[in-house]
């Protein structure tokens, strides 16, 4: 039975939040978590979360994406526990990292080599450094609304013309090498290459813009950018931290049929463990191996992370969840649309069944430049209501669906969403 908002009191979370603010800035350890309800969780299992007060939630945030197999997937947990008995960090190589690299290259099909790290932010920096070393150029084309980590040379403020600093303390000069363009506008990319192509080291993009709007690339867009990069001698980088292994086993390259030169992976590939990877062409990646280009990290390819990645990819290969995800996520999207229609609300749902965006508004939400016209305030109120009724979602509109979600969770989530809409 659906619990009402008044049934869901959180006195322990409230106390812990007050205590956390004395020791943790804002009571959190990532600024992304500042925007939302302050809830302390006790455990997660499959598609569900339980907070410290005993309230349950159907989880459609999935830890911002990593829990693609659901929470605490048994084969991953068992693999990590077993692997730790042989040691955790050696400061040298171990057999499992080679086996995982072989598996990644086989699954993705296009790359020759892989380098492991701990975060998407880190691997983006490695990719940009490689591109600049290989081309001898400095400029990078990136796109409005895409996210490539929080470091000074790539983070930009949303809704600004050109590269603008997004935070106090950011070095403005570090943004001087960026060319910021509207996404899905091949003519804009063509003009940029016509005017500055000899200076462009790389083009970096989310091949599907999940992070803001869940917008797929237009017909011919990725292929067109690929051709422009080839003609100018620039490196094409796909930031697949979110899309990789999520929208298809082979990620965006498989789904859209366009191969990058370098691509970053994370979130969905390691069963919630903090593992990221940069994959790419041998002639680029080997620059790490010669020592020409530096990338380092004490915890790179640690035993636990490699065990988690190996177990996750084995599950995705042996028991692919993608068809089931299409059914389950598709039913959830259709159900949310119907809830909006039945109440004559402009509830807009777009994207893919495994990652979609929910918003309020009548504008064309497939064009990123119109997203600012959506009614974000109403959606934030809905998101807060969803949390109060037991659906864990982000206030920015993104919904994730995991391999652990079933039609049962869809029914419960829609029942709770209906209650949240009634109280909106």
Protein backbone atom coordinates (compact mmCIF):
# COMPACT_ATOMS: atom_id res chain seq x y z
CA UNK A 1 0.00 0.00 0.00
CA UNK A 2 1.22 3.50 -0.81
CA UNK A 3 2.32 5.46 2.23
CA UNK A 4 1.12 9.04 2.43
CA UNK A 5 3.52 11.91 2.98
CA UNK A 6 2.34 12.24 6.58
CA UNK A 7 3.20 8.57 7.17
CA UNK A 8 6.80 9.21 6.20
CA UNK A 9 8.37 11.03 9.08
CA UNK A 10 12.16 11.26 9.24
CA UNK A 11 13.22 12.33 12.74
CA UNK A 12 16.49 10.38 12.67
CA UNK A 13 17.46 11.78 9.25
CA UNK A 14 16.67 15.27 10.50
CA UNK A 15 18.88 14.81 13.55
CA UNK A 16 21.73 13.35 11.52
CA UNK A 17 21.45 16.17 8.99
CA UNK A 18 21.85 18.76 11.74
CA UNK A 19 24.87 16.88 13.11
CA UNK A 20 26.40 16.47 9.65
CA UNK A 21 26.30 20.19 8.98
CA UNK A 22 28.70 20.71 11.89
CA UNK A 23 31.39 18.49 10.32
CA UNK A 24 30.59 18.31 6.58
CA UNK A 25 30.12 21.50 4.51
CA UNK A 26 26.41 21.69 3.84
CA UNK A 27 26.09 18.29 5.49
CA UNK A 28 27.19 16.56 2.26
CA UNK A 29 30.29 15.40 0.40
CA UNK A 30 29.22 16.39 -3.11
CA UNK A 31 27.61 19.70 -4.00
CA UNK A 32 25.16 17.87 -6.24
CA UNK A 33 23.56 16.59 -3.03
CA UNK A 34 22.86 20.09 -1.74
CA UNK A 35 19.81 20.24 -4.04
CA UNK A 36 17.25 17.90 -2.58
CA UNK A 37 15.70 16.39 0.51
CA UNK A 38 18.14 15.58 3.30
CA UNK A 39 17.72 11.87 3.80
CA UNK A 40 20.17 9.48 5.45
CA UNK A 41 19.97 6.00 3.99
CA UNK A 42 20.56 2.78 5.86
CA UNK A 43 20.67 0.27 3.02
CA UNK A 44 19.81 -0.51 -0.58
CA UNK A 45 18.81 -3.76 -2.24
CA UNK A 46 17.85 -4.24 -5.86
CA UNK A 47 15.60 -1.36 -6.94
CA UNK A 48 14.88 -0.23 -3.37
CA UNK A 49 16.33 2.05 -0.71
CA UNK A 50 15.53 2.24 3.01
CA UNK A 51 16.32 5.30 5.09
CA UNK A 52 17.42 5.31 8.73
CA UNK A 53 13.81 5.90 9.80
CA UNK A 54 12.59 2.75 8.05
CA UNK A 55 10.89 4.42 5.05
CA UNK A 56 11.21 2.62 1.72
CA UNK A 57 11.75 4.19 -1.70
CA UNK A 58 11.63 2.90 -5.25
CA UNK A 59 14.99 4.19 -6.44
CA UNK A 60 15.13 6.02 -9.77
CA UNK A 61 18.32 7.95 -9.05
CA UNK A 62 20.57 4.89 -8.60
CA UNK A 63 23.31 6.82 -6.85
CA UNK A 64 23.38 9.29 -9.81
CA UNK A 65 23.64 6.33 -12.18
CA UNK A 66 26.18 3.73 -10.98
CA UNK A 67 23.69 1.20 -9.56
CA UNK A 68 22.80 -0.05 -13.05
CA UNK A 69 22.47 -3.62 -11.77
CA UNK A 70 20.54 -2.43 -8.73
CA UNK A 71 21.90 -2.09 -5.21
CA UNK A 72 24.22 -4.72 -3.75
CA UNK A 73 24.08 -7.15 -6.71
CA UNK A 74 25.04 -10.55 -5.31
CA UNK A 75 27.60 -11.63 -7.95
CA UNK A 76 29.44 -8.32 -7.70
CA UNK A 77 29.45 -8.31 -3.90
CA UNK A 78 30.71 -11.90 -3.82
CA UNK A 79 33.41 -11.24 -6.42
CA UNK A 80 34.74 -8.23 -4.53
CA UNK A 81 34.71 -10.04 -1.17
CA UNK A 82 36.62 -12.97 -2.63
CA UNK A 83 39.13 -10.78 -4.44
CA UNK A 84 40.05 -8.75 -1.34
CA UNK A 85 41.42 -11.87 0.32
CA UNK A 86 44.34 -11.81 -2.13
CA UNK A 87 45.26 -8.19 -1.38
CA UNK A 88 43.82 -4.88 -2.50
CA UNK A 89 46.49 -2.49 -3.84
CA UNK A 90 49.90 -3.69 -5.03
CA UNK A 91 51.51 -0.63 -6.62
CA UNK A 92 52.08 -2.94 -9.57
CA UNK A 93 50.15 -4.99 -12.09
CA UNK A 94 47.91 -7.97 -11.44
CA UNK A 95 46.31 -10.46 -13.77
CA UNK A 96 42.74 -9.29 -13.26
CA UNK A 97 43.34 -5.82 -14.74
CA UNK A 98 44.57 -7.40 -17.97
CA UNK A 99 41.57 -9.73 -18.10
CA UNK A 100 39.18 -6.82 -17.55
CA UNK A 101 40.89 -4.73 -20.24
CA UNK A 102 40.56 -7.63 -22.69
CA UNK A 103 36.88 -8.00 -21.84
CA UNK A 104 36.17 -4.27 -22.28
CA UNK A 105 37.83 -4.15 -25.69
CA UNK A 106 35.94 -7.26 -26.78
CA UNK A 107 32.58 -5.97 -25.55
CA UNK A 108 32.98 -2.46 -27.00
CA UNK A 109 34.60 -3.81 -30.20
CA UNK A 110 36.09 -0.52 -31.40
CA UNK A 111 38.97 0.34 -28.96
CA UNK A 112 42.49 -1.13 -28.92
CA UNK A 113 43.57 -0.23 -25.40
CA UNK A 114 42.21 0.79 -21.99
CA UNK A 115 43.56 2.79 -19.05
CA UNK A 116 41.77 2.56 -15.69
CA UNK A 117 41.16 5.29 -13.12
CA UNK A 118 38.74 6.15 -10.34
CA UNK A 119 36.42 8.87 -11.67
CA UNK A 120 34.95 10.25 -14.85
CA UNK A 121 36.37 13.69 -14.10
CA UNK A 122 39.86 12.19 -14.04
CA UNK A 123 39.51 10.21 -17.26
CA UNK A 124 38.17 13.21 -19.16
CA UNK A 125 41.32 15.08 -18.21
CA UNK A 126 43.43 12.16 -19.41
CA UNK A 127 41.57 12.15 -22.74
CA UNK A 128 42.03 15.89 -23.26
CA UNK A 129 45.73 15.64 -22.43
CA UNK A 130 46.18 12.82 -24.93
CA UNK A 131 44.37 14.76 -27.64
CA UNK A 132 46.52 17.84 -27.12
CA UNK A 133 49.71 15.79 -27.09
CA UNK A 134 48.78 13.95 -30.28
CA UNK A 135 47.73 17.03 -32.24
CA UNK A 136 50.04 19.68 -30.85
CA UNK A 137 46.96 21.90 -30.55
CA UNK A 138 45.23 23.40 -27.54
CA UNK A 139 41.59 24.25 -28.33
CA UNK A 140 38.65 22.00 -27.45
CA UNK A 141 35.09 22.11 -28.76
CA UNK A 142 32.51 21.24 -26.13
CA UNK A 143 28.74 21.69 -25.99
CA UNK A 144 26.12 23.51 -23.96
CA UNK A 145 24.46 21.34 -21.33
CA UNK A 146 27.05 18.56 -21.39
CA UNK A 147 28.97 17.67 -18.24
CA UNK A 148 32.58 16.53 -18.25
CA UNK A 149 33.59 16.88 -14.61
CA UNK A 150 34.10 19.72 -12.18
CA UNK A 151 37.70 20.81 -12.92
CA UNK A 152 38.53 24.38 -13.91
CA UNK A 153 39.41 23.78 -17.57
CA UNK A 154 36.13 22.06 -18.57
CA UNK A 155 33.35 23.18 -16.17
CA UNK A 156 31.18 25.97 -17.57
CA UNK A 157 28.19 27.87 -16.25
CA UNK A 158 24.88 26.88 -17.84
CA UNK A 159 22.90 29.33 -19.93
CA UNK A 160 25.82 31.64 -20.74
CA UNK A 161 27.07 32.69 -24.16
CA UNK A 162 30.53 31.19 -24.48
CA UNK A 163 32.67 29.69 -21.73
CA UNK A 164 31.88 31.27 -18.36
CA UNK A 165 33.13 30.17 -14.96
CA UNK A 166 30.60 28.09 -13.03
CA UNK A 167 31.90 28.58 -9.50
CA UNK A 168 33.78 30.94 -7.25
CA UNK A 169 37.46 30.09 -7.19
CA UNK A 170 37.53 28.77 -10.75
CA UNK A 171 40.48 29.97 -12.83
CA UNK A 172 38.87 31.96 -15.64
CA UNK A 173 41.96 31.68 -17.80
CA UNK A 174 41.62 27.92 -17.93
CA UNK A 175 38.45 28.27 -20.00
CA UNK A 176 40.17 30.30 -22.71
CA UNK A 177 40.85 27.25 -24.86
CA UNK A 178 37.21 26.15 -24.98
CA UNK A 179 34.88 26.69 -27.92
CA UNK A 180 31.33 26.23 -26.60
CA UNK A 181 28.64 25.37 -29.15
CA UNK A 182 24.98 24.37 -29.15
CA UNK A 183 24.66 20.60 -29.35
CA UNK A 184 22.95 18.79 -32.22
CA UNK A 185 23.72 21.75 -34.51
CA UNK A 186 26.05 20.38 -37.18
CA UNK A 187 26.15 23.72 -38.98
CA UNK A 188 27.60 25.36 -35.85
CA UNK A 189 30.33 22.71 -35.60
CA UNK A 190 31.09 23.12 -39.29
CA UNK A 191 31.49 26.89 -38.89
CA UNK A 192 33.79 26.42 -35.89
CA UNK A 193 36.04 24.08 -37.87
CA UNK A 194 36.00 26.41 -40.88
CA UNK A 195 37.14 29.29 -38.69
CA UNK A 196 39.44 27.60 -36.15
CA UNK A 197 39.90 23.99 -37.23
CA UNK A 198 43.69 24.20 -37.35
CA UNK A 199 43.70 25.02 -33.62
CA UNK A 200 41.22 22.33 -32.47
CA UNK A 201 42.76 19.38 -30.64
CA UNK A 202 39.49 17.63 -29.76
CA UNK A 203 35.73 17.62 -29.81
CA UNK A 204 34.23 16.21 -26.61
CA UNK A 205 30.57 15.37 -26.11
CA UNK A 206 28.07 13.15 -24.41
CA UNK A 207 26.95 11.14 -27.48
CA UNK A 208 23.49 11.21 -25.95
CA UNK A 209 22.94 14.17 -23.67
CA UNK A 210 21.50 12.30 -20.69
CA UNK A 211 22.79 14.66 -18.04
CA UNK A 212 20.48 17.50 -19.14
CA UNK A 213 17.28 16.59 -20.91
CA UNK A 214 17.96 13.01 -22.11
CA UNK A 215 18.29 14.25 -25.70
CA UNK A 216 19.40 11.83 -28.40
CA UNK A 217 21.65 12.97 -31.26
CA UNK A 218 19.86 14.03 -34.43
CA UNK A 219 20.03 11.92 -37.57
CA UNK A 220 23.50 12.19 -39.08
CA UNK A 221 24.84 14.46 -36.33
CA UNK A 222 27.42 12.11 -34.82
CA UNK A 223 28.56 10.94 -38.26
CA UNK A 224 28.86 14.55 -39.37
CA UNK A 225 31.02 15.50 -36.40
CA UNK A 226 33.11 12.38 -36.99
CA UNK A 227 33.75 13.51 -40.57
CA UNK A 228 34.66 17.04 -39.51
CA UNK A 229 37.17 15.71 -36.96
CA UNK A 230 38.75 13.42 -39.54
CA UNK A 231 39.05 16.23 -42.07
CA UNK A 232 40.68 18.59 -39.53
CA UNK A 233 42.84 16.00 -37.78
CA UNK A 234 41.05 16.55 -34.45
CA UNK A 235 40.36 13.82 -31.86
CA UNK A 236 36.72 12.85 -31.28
CA UNK A 237 36.04 12.06 -27.61
CA UNK A 238 32.80 10.48 -26.43
CA UNK A 239 32.10 11.06 -22.74
CA UNK A 240 30.26 7.82 -22.03
CA UNK A 241 30.46 7.99 -18.26
CA UNK A 242 26.64 7.79 -18.22
CA UNK A 243 25.80 6.17 -21.57
CA UNK A 244 28.50 3.50 -21.57
CA UNK A 245 27.13 -0.04 -21.02
CA UNK A 246 23.76 1.56 -20.17
CA UNK A 247 22.10 2.41 -23.48
CA UNK A 248 23.59 -0.72 -25.08
CA UNK A 249 26.26 -3.24 -24.13
CA UNK A 250 28.60 -1.45 -26.52
CA UNK A 251 27.40 1.98 -25.44
CA UNK A 252 26.77 4.83 -27.86
CA UNK A 253 29.16 3.46 -30.47
CA UNK A 254 26.97 0.36 -30.77
CA UNK A 255 23.66 2.20 -30.58
CA UNK A 256 24.47 4.96 -33.07
CA UNK A 257 27.12 3.28 -35.22
CA UNK A 258 29.77 6.02 -34.91
CA UNK A 259 33.19 5.26 -33.44
CA UNK A 260 35.13 7.86 -31.42
CA UNK A 261 38.91 8.02 -31.14
CA UNK A 262 38.75 8.06 -27.33
CA UNK A 263 35.90 7.45 -24.90
CA UNK A 264 35.49 7.63 -21.14
CA UNK A 265 33.43 5.06 -19.21
CA UNK A 266 32.27 4.74 -15.61
CA UNK A 267 29.00 4.58 -13.65
CA UNK A 268 27.28 1.51 -15.16
CA UNK A 269 30.35 -0.66 -15.68
CA UNK A 270 31.37 -1.68 -12.18
CA UNK A 271 28.23 -2.48 -10.19
CA UNK A 272 28.46 0.80 -8.19
CA UNK A 273 32.20 0.59 -7.49
CA UNK A 274 34.22 3.78 -8.17
CA UNK A 275 35.91 2.69 -11.39
CA UNK A 276 36.36 4.66 -14.59
CA UNK A 277 38.18 3.92 -17.82
CA UNK A 278 39.54 5.62 -20.90
CA UNK A 279 39.43 3.49 -24.04
CA UNK A 280 40.83 4.37 -27.42
CA UNK A 281 42.99 3.86 -30.46
CA UNK A 282 46.42 2.36 -29.86
CA UNK A 283 48.33 5.22 -31.50
CA UNK A 284 46.81 7.62 -28.98
CA UNK A 285 46.78 5.41 -25.88
CA UNK A 286 50.37 4.27 -26.31
CA UNK A 287 51.53 7.79 -25.48
CA UNK A 288 50.80 6.87 -21.86
CA UNK A 289 52.91 3.74 -22.22
CA UNK A 290 55.96 5.55 -23.59
CA UNK A 291 55.82 8.05 -20.73
CA UNK A 292 55.30 10.93 -23.17
CA UNK A 293 51.92 11.72 -21.57
CA UNK A 294 51.41 11.36 -17.82
CA UNK A 295 48.43 9.73 -16.18
CA UNK A 296 48.86 8.26 -12.70
CA UNK A 297 46.90 7.15 -9.67
CA UNK A 298 47.59 5.00 -6.63
CA UNK A 299 44.22 3.28 -6.77
CA UNK A 300 44.04 2.79 -10.54
CA UNK A 301 43.00 -0.79 -11.37
CA UNK A 302 42.82 -1.76 -7.69
CA UNK A 303 41.81 -5.35 -7.00
CA UNK A 304 38.31 -4.56 -5.73
CA UNK A 305 37.47 -2.30 -8.63
CA UNK A 306 38.67 -4.78 -11.21
CA UNK A 307 36.75 -7.61 -9.54
CA UNK A 308 33.59 -5.48 -9.55
CA UNK A 309 34.07 -4.52 -13.20
CA UNK A 310 34.75 -8.08 -14.27
CA UNK A 311 31.66 -9.40 -12.46
CA UNK A 312 29.44 -6.61 -13.82
CA UNK A 313 30.53 -7.01 -17.43
CA UNK A 314 30.17 -10.77 -17.20
CA UNK A 315 26.57 -10.33 -16.06
CA UNK A 316 25.84 -7.83 -18.82
CA UNK A 317 27.28 -10.21 -21.41
CA UNK A 318 25.84 -13.48 -20.12
CA UNK A 319 22.45 -12.17 -19.01
CA UNK A 320 21.87 -8.98 -21.02
CA UNK A 321 19.15 -6.88 -19.35
CA UNK A 322 18.55 -4.50 -22.24
CA UNK A 323 15.36 -6.01 -23.65
CA UNK A 324 13.85 -6.20 -20.16
CA UNK A 325 14.95 -2.61 -19.51
CA UNK A 326 13.15 -1.49 -22.67
CA UNK A 327 9.95 -3.11 -21.44
CA UNK A 328 10.15 -1.97 -17.82
CA UNK A 329 11.44 1.54 -18.48
CA UNK A 330 9.07 1.96 -21.41
CA UNK A 331 6.11 1.04 -19.23
CA UNK A 332 7.21 3.57 -16.61
CA UNK A 333 7.58 6.34 -19.22
CA UNK A 334 4.16 5.53 -20.71
CA UNK A 335 2.58 5.45 -17.26
CA UNK A 336 3.98 8.85 -16.31
CA UNK A 337 2.75 10.35 -19.59
CA UNK A 338 -0.71 8.94 -18.93
CA UNK A 339 -0.75 10.41 -15.41
CA UNK A 340 -0.03 13.81 -16.93
CA UNK A 341 -2.67 13.44 -19.66
CA UNK A 342 -5.34 12.30 -17.20
CA UNK A 343 -4.83 15.50 -15.20
CA UNK A 344 -4.39 17.80 -18.21
CA UNK A 345 -0.86 18.60 -17.03
CA UNK A 346 1.97 19.40 -19.48
CA UNK A 347 4.07 16.54 -18.09
CA UNK A 348 6.77 15.80 -20.67
CA UNK A 349 8.73 12.51 -20.68
CA UNK A 350 11.54 11.91 -23.17
CA UNK A 351 14.65 9.80 -23.59
CA UNK A 352 15.34 6.08 -23.44
CA UNK A 353 13.77 3.50 -21.12
CA UNK A 354 17.00 3.12 -19.14
CA UNK A 355 17.50 6.88 -18.71
CA UNK A 356 14.85 9.52 -19.36
CA UNK A 357 13.91 13.06 -18.40
CA UNK A 358 10.66 14.34 -16.89
CA UNK A 359 9.64 17.99 -17.04
CA UNK A 360 6.72 20.39 -17.24
CA UNK A 361 6.21 22.52 -20.33
CA UNK A 362 4.91 22.71 -23.88
CA UNK A 363 8.20 23.65 -25.60
CA UNK A 364 10.31 21.37 -27.77
CA UNK A 365 12.39 19.71 -25.07
CA UNK A 366 14.45 17.84 -27.68
CA UNK A 367 16.29 21.11 -28.34
CA UNK A 368 18.60 21.91 -25.42
CA UNK A 369 18.30 25.64 -26.08
CA UNK A 370 14.61 25.52 -25.15
CA UNK A 371 15.07 23.62 -21.88
CA UNK A 372 15.42 26.89 -19.99
CA UNK A 373 11.81 27.65 -20.91
CA UNK A 374 10.51 24.58 -19.09
CA UNK A 375 8.79 24.99 -15.74
CA UNK A 376 11.65 23.76 -13.56
CA UNK A 377 10.10 25.06 -10.34
CA UNK A 378 7.00 22.88 -10.76
CA UNK A 379 9.08 19.82 -11.49
CA UNK A 380 11.18 20.43 -8.37
CA UNK A 381 7.96 20.54 -6.34
CA UNK A 382 6.89 17.27 -7.94
CA UNK A 383 10.29 15.70 -7.21
CA UNK A 384 10.00 16.71 -3.55
CA UNK A 385 6.51 15.21 -3.47
CA UNK A 386 7.76 11.99 -5.07
CA UNK A 387 10.40 11.65 -2.36
CA UNK A 388 7.76 12.26 0.31
CA UNK A 389 5.65 9.47 -1.20
CA UNK A 390 8.54 7.02 -1.60
CA UNK A 391 10.09 7.51 -5.06
CA UNK A 392 13.72 8.59 -4.91
CA UNK A 393 14.45 10.97 -7.81
CA UNK A 394 16.63 13.96 -8.64
CA UNK A 395 15.18 17.45 -8.77
CA UNK A 396 16.81 18.11 -12.17
CA UNK A 397 14.47 15.69 -13.95
CA UNK A 398 16.62 12.67 -14.76
CA UNK A 399 15.16 9.21 -14.04
CA UNK A 400 17.27 6.04 -14.21
CA UNK A 401 15.98 2.48 -14.49
CA UNK A 402 18.14 -0.45 -13.36
CA UNK A 403 18.30 -4.10 -14.35
CA UNK A 404 16.73 -4.83 -10.94
CA UNK A 405 13.52 -2.91 -11.64
CA UNK A 406 10.50 -5.02 -12.58
CA UNK A 407 6.90 -4.33 -13.51
CA UNK A 408 6.12 -4.57 -9.80
CA UNK A 409 8.31 -1.54 -9.10
CA UNK A 410 6.76 0.26 -12.08
CA UNK A 411 3.29 -0.23 -10.61
CA UNK A 412 4.35 0.98 -7.18
CA UNK A 413 6.25 3.98 -8.58
CA UNK A 414 3.26 5.03 -10.68
CA UNK A 415 0.88 4.65 -7.73
CA UNK A 416 3.15 6.82 -5.62
CA UNK A 417 3.64 9.30 -8.48
CA UNK A 418 -0.15 9.63 -8.75
CA UNK A 419 -0.34 10.48 -5.05
CA UNK A 420 2.47 13.03 -5.46
CA UNK A 421 0.67 14.68 -8.39
CA UNK A 422 -2.56 14.85 -6.38
CA UNK A 423 -0.76 16.74 -3.63
CA UNK A 424 1.12 19.02 -6.05
